[in-house]
C-alpha atoms as a PDB file:
ATOM      1  CA  GLN A   1      12.249  49.116-181.120  1.00  0.00           C
ATOM      2  CA  ALA A   2      14.153  48.475-184.638  1.00  0.00           C
ATOM      3  CA  ALA A   3      11.263  46.520-186.053  1.00  0.00           C
ATOM      4  CA  VAL A   4       9.316  49.414-185.765  1.00  0.00           C
ATOM      5  CA  GLN A   5      11.826  51.950-187.282  1.00  0.00           C
ATOM      6  CA  ALA A   6      12.461  49.644-190.201  1.00  0.00           C
ATOM      7  CA  GLY A   7       8.078  49.433-190.662  1.00  0.00           C
ATOM      8  CA  ASN A   8       7.862  53.040-190.589  1.00  0.00           C
ATOM      9  CA  ALA A   9      10.783  53.036-193.649  1.00  0.00           C
ATOM     10  CA  CYS A  10       9.107  50.601-195.169  1.00  0.00           C
ATOM     11  CA  TYR A  11       6.038  52.345-194.935  1.00  0.00           C
ATOM     12  CA  LYS A  12       7.338  55.658-196.514  1.00  0.00           C
ATOM     13  CA  ARG A  13       8.920  54.392-199.367  1.00  0.00           C
ATOM     14  CA  ASP A  14       5.466  52.251-200.093  1.00  0.00           C
ATOM     15  CA  ASP A  15       6.817  48.971-199.152  1.00  0.00           C
ATOM     16  CA  TYR A  16       3.930  47.876-197.557  1.00  0.00           C
ATOM     17  CA  ALA A  17       4.724  44.394-197.760  1.00  0.00           C
ATOM     18  CA  GLY A  18       7.817  45.277-195.923  1.00  0.00           C
ATOM     19  CA  ALA A  19       5.807  47.234-193.609  1.00  0.00           C
ATOM     20  CA  VAL A  20       3.569  44.636-192.526  1.00  0.00           C
ATOM     21  CA  ALA A  21       6.512  42.201-191.833  1.00  0.00           C
ATOM     22  CA  ALA A  22       8.362  44.660-189.894  1.00  0.00           C
ATOM     23  CA  PHE A  23       5.088  45.447-187.715  1.00  0.00           C
ATOM     24  CA  THR A  24       4.392  41.790-187.541  1.00  0.00           C
ATOM     25  CA  LEU A  25       8.079  41.375-185.681  1.00  0.00           C
ATOM     26  CA  ALA A  26       7.125  43.916-183.753  1.00  0.00           C
ATOM     27  CA  ILE A  27       4.021  42.964-182.478  1.00  0.00           C
ATOM     28  CA  GLY A  28       5.392  39.490-182.202  1.00  0.00           C
ATOM     29  CA  ALA A  29       7.669  40.638-179.092  1.00  0.00           C
ATOM     30  CA  TYR A  30       4.715  41.074-176.936  1.00  0.00           C
ATOM     31  CA  ALA A  31       1.788  39.173-175.489  1.00  0.00           C
ATOM     32  CA  THR A  32      -1.372  39.191-177.685  1.00  0.00           C
ATOM     33  CA  ALA A  33      -3.200  41.372-174.907  1.00  0.00           C
ATOM     34  CA  GLU A  34       0.131  43.932-174.665  1.00  0.00           C
ATOM     35  CA  VAL A  35       0.708  44.548-178.012  1.00  0.00           C
ATOM     36  CA  PRO A  36       0.298  48.306-178.695  1.00  0.00           C
ATOM     37  CA  ALA A  37      -2.395  50.349-180.493  1.00  0.00           C
ATOM     38  CA  GLN A  38       0.118  52.127-182.474  1.00  0.00           C
ATOM     39  CA  LEU A  39       1.722  49.187-183.765  1.00  0.00           C
ATOM     40  CA  LEU A  40      -2.090  47.565-185.082  1.00  0.00           C
ATOM     41  CA  SER A  41      -2.628  50.749-186.460  1.00  0.00           C
ATOM     42  CA  ASN A  42       0.684  51.239-188.259  1.00  0.00           C
ATOM     43  CA  ARG A  43       0.478  47.258-189.646  1.00  0.00           C
ATOM     44  CA  SER A  44      -3.318  48.154-190.479  1.00  0.00           C
ATOM     45  CA  ALA A  45      -2.318  51.317-192.553  1.00  0.00           C
ATOM     46  CA  ALA A  46      -0.180  48.987-194.107  1.00  0.00           C
ATOM     47  CA  TYR A  47      -2.569  46.259-195.093  1.00  0.00           C
ATOM     48  CA  ALA A  48      -4.657  48.764-196.324  1.00  0.00           C
ATOM     49  CA  GLY A  49      -1.827  49.665-198.777  1.00  0.00           C
ATOM     50  CA  LEU A  50      -2.079  46.464-200.312  1.00  0.00           C
ATOM     51  CA  LYS A  51      -5.524  46.143-199.911  1.00  0.00           C
ATOM     52  CA  GLU A  52      -5.684  43.121-198.238  1.00  0.00           C
ATOM     53  CA  TYR A  53      -8.643  44.746-195.874  1.00  0.00           C
ATOM     54  CA  SER A  54      -9.703  41.971-194.224  1.00  0.00           C
ATOM     55  CA  ALA A  55      -6.555  41.242-192.303  1.00  0.00           C
ATOM     56  CA  ALA A  56      -6.662  45.555-191.834  1.00  0.00           C
ATOM     57  CA  LEU A  57      -9.949  45.321-190.292  1.00  0.00           C
ATOM     58  CA  SER A  58      -9.015  42.918-188.214  1.00  0.00           C
ATOM     59  CA  ASP A  59      -5.812  45.011-186.715  1.00  0.00           C
ATOM     60  CA  ALA A  60      -8.418  47.764-186.610  1.00  0.00           C
ATOM     61  CA  GLU A  61     -10.501  46.489-184.489  1.00  0.00           C
ATOM     62  CA  ALA A  62      -7.787  45.087-182.375  1.00  0.00           C
ATOM     63  CA  CYS A  63      -6.779  48.717-181.966  1.00  0.00           C
ATOM     64  CA  ILE A  64     -10.202  49.891-180.977  1.00  0.00           C
ATOM     65  CA  GLU A  65     -10.322  47.303-178.219  1.00  0.00           C
ATOM     66  CA  ARG A  66      -7.419  49.130-176.825  1.00  0.00           C
ATOM     67  CA  ARG A  67      -7.752  52.800-177.478  1.00  0.00           C
ATOM     68  CA  PRO A  68     -11.427  52.799-177.859  1.00  0.00           C
ATOM     69  CA  ASP A  69     -11.159  56.877-177.579  1.00  0.00           C
ATOM     70  CA  TRP A  70      -8.681  57.141-180.354  1.00  0.00           C
ATOM     71  CA  ALA A  71      -9.743  58.567-183.557  1.00  0.00           C
ATOM     72  CA  LYS A  72      -6.751  56.927-185.910  1.00  0.00           C
ATOM     73  CA  ALA A  73      -7.995  53.572-184.782  1.00  0.00           C
ATOM     74  CA  TYR A  74     -11.933  54.412-186.374  1.00  0.00           C
ATOM     75  CA  SER A  75     -10.248  56.148-189.028  1.00  0.00           C
ATOM     76  CA  ARG A  76      -8.348  52.789-189.725  1.00  0.00           C
ATOM     77  CA  LYS A  77     -11.751  50.712-189.636  1.00  0.00           C
ATOM     78  CA  GLY A  78     -13.295  52.977-191.701  1.00  0.00           C
ATOM     79  CA  ASN A  79     -10.667  52.717-194.582  1.00  0.00           C
ATOM     80  CA  ALA A  80     -10.356  49.229-194.145  1.00  0.00           C
ATOM     81  CA  LEU A  81     -13.988  48.945-194.654  1.00  0.00           C
ATOM     82  CA  HIS A  82     -14.456  51.458-197.506  1.00  0.00           C
ATOM     83  CA  GLY A  83     -11.856  49.076-198.820  1.00  0.00           C
ATOM     84  CA  LEU A  84     -14.047  46.061-198.781  1.00  0.00           C
ATOM     85  CA  ARG A  85     -16.914  48.617-200.121  1.00  0.00           C
ATOM     86  CA  LEU A  86     -18.793  48.099-196.889  1.00  0.00           C
ATOM     87  CA  LEU A  87     -19.860  51.543-197.263  1.00  0.00           C
ATOM     88  CA  ASP A  88     -22.563  52.453-193.978  1.00  0.00           C
ATOM     89  CA  PRO A  89     -20.375  50.915-191.640  1.00  0.00           C
ATOM     90  CA  ALA A  90     -17.574  52.581-192.949  1.00  0.00           C
ATOM     91  CA  ALA A  91     -19.267  56.131-192.841  1.00  0.00           C
ATOM     92  CA  ALA A  92     -20.410  54.769-189.422  1.00  0.00           C
ATOM     93  CA  ALA A  93     -16.352  54.465-188.150  1.00  0.00           C
ATOM     94  CA  TYR A  94     -15.364  57.994-189.746  1.00  0.00           C
ATOM     95  CA  ARG A  95     -18.029  59.849-188.327  1.00  0.00           C
ATOM     96  CA  LYS A  96     -16.901  57.951-184.885  1.00  0.00           C
ATOM     97  CA  ALA A  97     -13.117  59.251-185.806  1.00  0.00           C
ATOM     98  CA  LEU A  98     -14.349  62.709-186.457  1.00  0.00           C
ATOM     99  CA  GLU A  99     -16.537  62.660-183.012  1.00  0.00           C
ATOM    100  CA  LEU A 100     -13.275  61.772-181.148  1.00  0.00           C
ATOM    101  CA  GLU A 101     -11.434  64.359-183.024  1.00  0.00           C
ATOM    102  CA  PRO A 102     -13.734  67.049-185.178  1.00  0.00           C
ATOM    103  CA  ASN A 103     -10.840  68.662-186.691  1.00  0.00           C
ATOM    104  CA  ASN A 104      -9.091  65.696-188.747  1.00  0.00           C
ATOM    105  CA  ALA A 105      -9.594  67.283-192.249  1.00  0.00           C
ATOM    106  CA  ILE A 106      -8.230  63.614-194.148  1.00  0.00           C
ATOM    107  CA  VAL A 107     -11.272  61.384-191.949  1.00  0.00           C
ATOM    108  CA  ALA A 108     -13.585  64.364-193.218  1.00  0.00           C
ATOM    109  CA  LYS A 109     -12.624  63.744-196.534  1.00  0.00           C
ATOM    110  CA  SER A 110     -12.848  60.146-196.368  1.00  0.00           C
ATOM    111  CA  LEU A 111     -16.281  60.177-194.669  1.00  0.00           C
ATOM    112  CA  LEU A 112     -17.447  63.026-197.746  1.00  0.00           C
ATOM    113  CA  ASN A 113     -16.013  60.376-200.266  1.00  0.00           C
ATOM    114  CA  CYS A 114     -18.037  57.546-198.372  1.00  0.00           C
ATOM    115  CA  GLU A 115     -21.055  59.508-198.479  1.00  0.00           C
ATOM    116  CA  GLN A 116     -20.561  60.046-201.984  1.00  0.00           C
ATOM    117  CA  LEU A 117     -20.083  56.720-202.832  1.00  0.00           C
ATOM    118  CA  LEU A 118     -23.285  55.879-200.882  1.00  0.00           C
ATOM    119  CA  ARG A 119     -25.652  58.406-203.304  1.00  0.00           C
ATOM    120  CA  ASP A 120     -24.173  56.929-206.238  1.00  0.00           C
ATOM    121  CA  ASN A 121     -24.795  53.388-205.504  1.00  0.00           C
ATOM    122  CA  ALA A 122     -28.069  54.267-204.443  1.00  0.00           C
ATOM    123  CA  PRO A 123     -31.135  52.786-206.157  1.00  0.00           C
ATOM    124  CA  THR A 124     -32.634  55.160-208.140  1.00  0.00           C
ATOM    125  CA  SER A 125     -36.289  55.592-207.557  1.00  0.00           C
ATOM    126  CA  SER A 126     -37.043  54.409-211.209  1.00  0.00           C
ATOM    127  CA  ALA A 127     -35.316  51.131-210.472  1.00  0.00           C
ATOM    128  CA  ALA A 128     -36.595  50.577-207.181  1.00  0.00           C
ATOM    129  CA  ALA A 129     -40.245  50.744-208.596  1.00  0.00           C
ATOM    130  CA  ALA A 130     -38.757  48.461-211.393  1.00  0.00           C
ATOM    131  CA  ALA A 131     -37.556  46.044-209.160  1.00  0.00           C
ATOM    132  CA  THR A 132     -40.578  46.218-206.864  1.00  0.00           C
ATOM    133  CA  MET A 133     -42.863  45.542-210.161  1.00  0.00           C
ATOM    134  CA  ALA A 134     -41.039  42.733-211.311  1.00  0.00           C
ATOM    135  CA  ARG A 135     -41.857  41.077-208.257  1.00  0.00           C
END
């Protein structure tokens, strides 16, 4: 419990490395299959704060395995995928989070941002035509 409190305190002051260390310590007190989803969610957020998106994704996916009906788990997955620039799967994760928690304004904004990036990065029709002609 002390490690969880330390992790939360570190996270609140943007000490993401300290938060990861504290949450990792707390997670170590459990057998792998028994790690609470909340701890994995917290560490996923801390990893995302460090821009360690692959680690954030791993924790988010483990969180979903434990609580497949929890919107926050899918939000964490969306954030990690978004950070990895895997925009289509990120949008899908955000949509799943909103399906589970339709009034979550933060997730709705994240989905809008992700969809905007998808539109901005979509090939234009002239670029697609030029690529086709180049073949």
